[in-house]
C-alpha atoms as a PDB file:
ATOM      1  CA  UNK A   1     125.941  55.382-140.560  1.00  0.00           C
ATOM      2  CA  UNK A   2     123.337  53.126-139.006  1.00  0.00           C
ATOM      3  CA  UNK A   3     120.518  53.851-136.614  1.00  0.00           C
ATOM      4  CA  UNK A   4     119.123  51.253-134.226  1.00  0.00           C
ATOM      5  CA  UNK A   5     115.826  51.006-132.404  1.00  0.00           C
ATOM      6  CA  UNK A   6     114.938  49.109-129.230  1.00  0.00           C
ATOM      7  CA  UNK A   7     111.602  47.435-128.515  1.00  0.00           C
ATOM      8  CA  UNK A   8     110.487  45.652-125.360  1.00  0.00           C
ATOM      9  CA  UNK A   9     108.880  42.217-125.543  1.00  0.00           C
ATOM     10  CA  UNK A  10     107.789  39.520-123.093  1.00  0.00           C
ATOM     11  CA  UNK A  11     107.920  35.824-123.892  1.00  0.00           C
ATOM     12  CA  UNK A  12     106.851  32.726-121.970  1.00  0.00           C
ATOM     13  CA  UNK A  13     107.698  29.036-121.971  1.00  0.00           C
ATOM     14  CA  UNK A  14     106.660  26.002-119.985  1.00  0.00           C
ATOM     15  CA  UNK A  15     110.185  24.560-120.286  1.00  0.00           C
ATOM     16  CA  UNK A  16     112.920  27.097-119.454  1.00  0.00           C
ATOM     17  CA  UNK A  17     114.149  30.685-119.567  1.00  0.00           C
ATOM     18  CA  UNK A  18     116.322  29.790-122.558  1.00  0.00           C
ATOM     19  CA  UNK A  19     113.284  28.493-124.445  1.00  0.00           C
ATOM     20  CA  UNK A  20     111.315  31.656-123.590  1.00  0.00           C
ATOM     21  CA  UNK A  21     114.175  33.788-124.981  1.00  0.00           C
ATOM     22  CA  UNK A  22     114.368  31.681-128.133  1.00  0.00           C
ATOM     23  CA  UNK A  23     110.606  31.846-128.701  1.00  0.00           C
ATOM     24  CA  UNK A  24     110.565  35.618-128.145  1.00  0.00           C
ATOM     25  CA  UNK A  25     113.359  36.251-130.655  1.00  0.00           C
ATOM     26  CA  UNK A  26     111.832  33.843-133.186  1.00  0.00           C
ATOM     27  CA  UNK A  27     108.437  35.556-132.973  1.00  0.00           C
ATOM     28  CA  UNK A  28     109.904  39.088-133.089  1.00  0.00           C
ATOM     29  CA  UNK A  29     112.005  38.226-136.148  1.00  0.00           C
ATOM     30  CA  UNK A  30     108.819  37.384-138.082  1.00  0.00           C
ATOM     31  CA  UNK A  31     107.751  41.043-137.985  1.00  0.00           C
ATOM     32  CA  UNK A  32     111.028  42.921-137.355  1.00  0.00           C
ATOM     33  CA  UNK A  33     114.048  42.790-139.688  1.00  0.00           C
ATOM     34  CA  UNK A  34     117.720  43.238-138.817  1.00  0.00           C
ATOM     35  CA  UNK A  35     117.595  42.125-135.164  1.00  0.00           C
ATOM     36  CA  UNK A  36     121.119  42.465-133.810  1.00  0.00           C
ATOM     37  CA  UNK A  37     120.760  41.553-130.142  1.00  0.00           C
ATOM     38  CA  UNK A  38     118.653  41.375-127.031  1.00  0.00           C
ATOM     39  CA  UNK A  39     119.064  42.187-123.366  1.00  0.00           C
ATOM     40  CA  UNK A  40     117.092  40.155-120.849  1.00  0.00           C
ATOM     41  CA  UNK A  41     115.858  42.715-118.345  1.00  0.00           C
ATOM     42  CA  UNK A  42     113.876  40.370-116.072  1.00  0.00           C
ATOM     43  CA  UNK A  43     113.196  36.709-115.511  1.00  0.00           C
ATOM     44  CA  UNK A  44     110.084  35.530-113.678  1.00  0.00           C
ATOM     45  CA  UNK A  45     108.517  32.186-112.850  1.00  0.00           C
ATOM     46  CA  UNK A  46     104.970  31.173-112.089  1.00  0.00           C
ATOM     47  CA  UNK A  47     104.435  28.564-109.381  1.00  0.00           C
ATOM     48  CA  UNK A  48     101.546  26.154-108.930  1.00  0.00           C
ATOM     49  CA  UNK A  49     101.320  23.640-106.095  1.00  0.00           C
ATOM     50  CA  UNK A  50     104.894  24.396-105.034  1.00  0.00           C
ATOM     51  CA  UNK A  51     106.381  23.701-108.486  1.00  0.00           C
ATOM     52  CA  UNK A  52     107.483  25.957-111.315  1.00  0.00           C
ATOM     53  CA  UNK A  53     104.794  25.937-113.993  1.00  0.00           C
ATOM     54  CA  UNK A  54     106.095  28.629-116.358  1.00  0.00           C
ATOM     55  CA  UNK A  55     109.030  30.861-117.239  1.00  0.00           C
ATOM     56  CA  UNK A  56     108.758  34.448-118.453  1.00  0.00           C
ATOM     57  CA  UNK A  57     111.385  36.858-119.733  1.00  0.00           C
ATOM     58  CA  UNK A  58     111.122  40.573-120.436  1.00  0.00           C
ATOM     59  CA  UNK A  59     113.620  41.577-123.127  1.00  0.00           C
ATOM     60  CA  UNK A  60     114.818  44.659-124.933  1.00  0.00           C
ATOM     61  CA  UNK A  61     115.447  43.766-128.565  1.00  0.00           C
ATOM     62  CA  UNK A  62     117.734  45.916-130.720  1.00  0.00           C
ATOM     63  CA  UNK A  63     117.379  46.121-134.496  1.00  0.00           C
ATOM     64  CA  UNK A  64     118.942  48.317-137.170  1.00  0.00           C
ATOM     65  CA  UNK A  65     116.628  50.569-139.202  1.00  0.00           C
ATOM     66  CA  UNK A  66     116.782  50.435-142.983  1.00  0.00           C
END
C-alpha cells in the first residue's frame, strides 16, 4: 500500500507557462522525493506596457510518502 501527499506551489518564468511548470517541478524535487505528478490549478500573467512580462502557475504536486 502507498500513501500520497499533495502540496501547493507557485512558480514563475519570464518565458512561458511551460517553463514556469518545469522550474516549479525542478525546484520542488530538490526537497521532496517521489514526485509522481502535478496538476496546474491556475495560470496567470503579469503585463507591463501592454505586453506580457511574466508567467505564473499555481500547481498541486503529488508525491508518495516513504
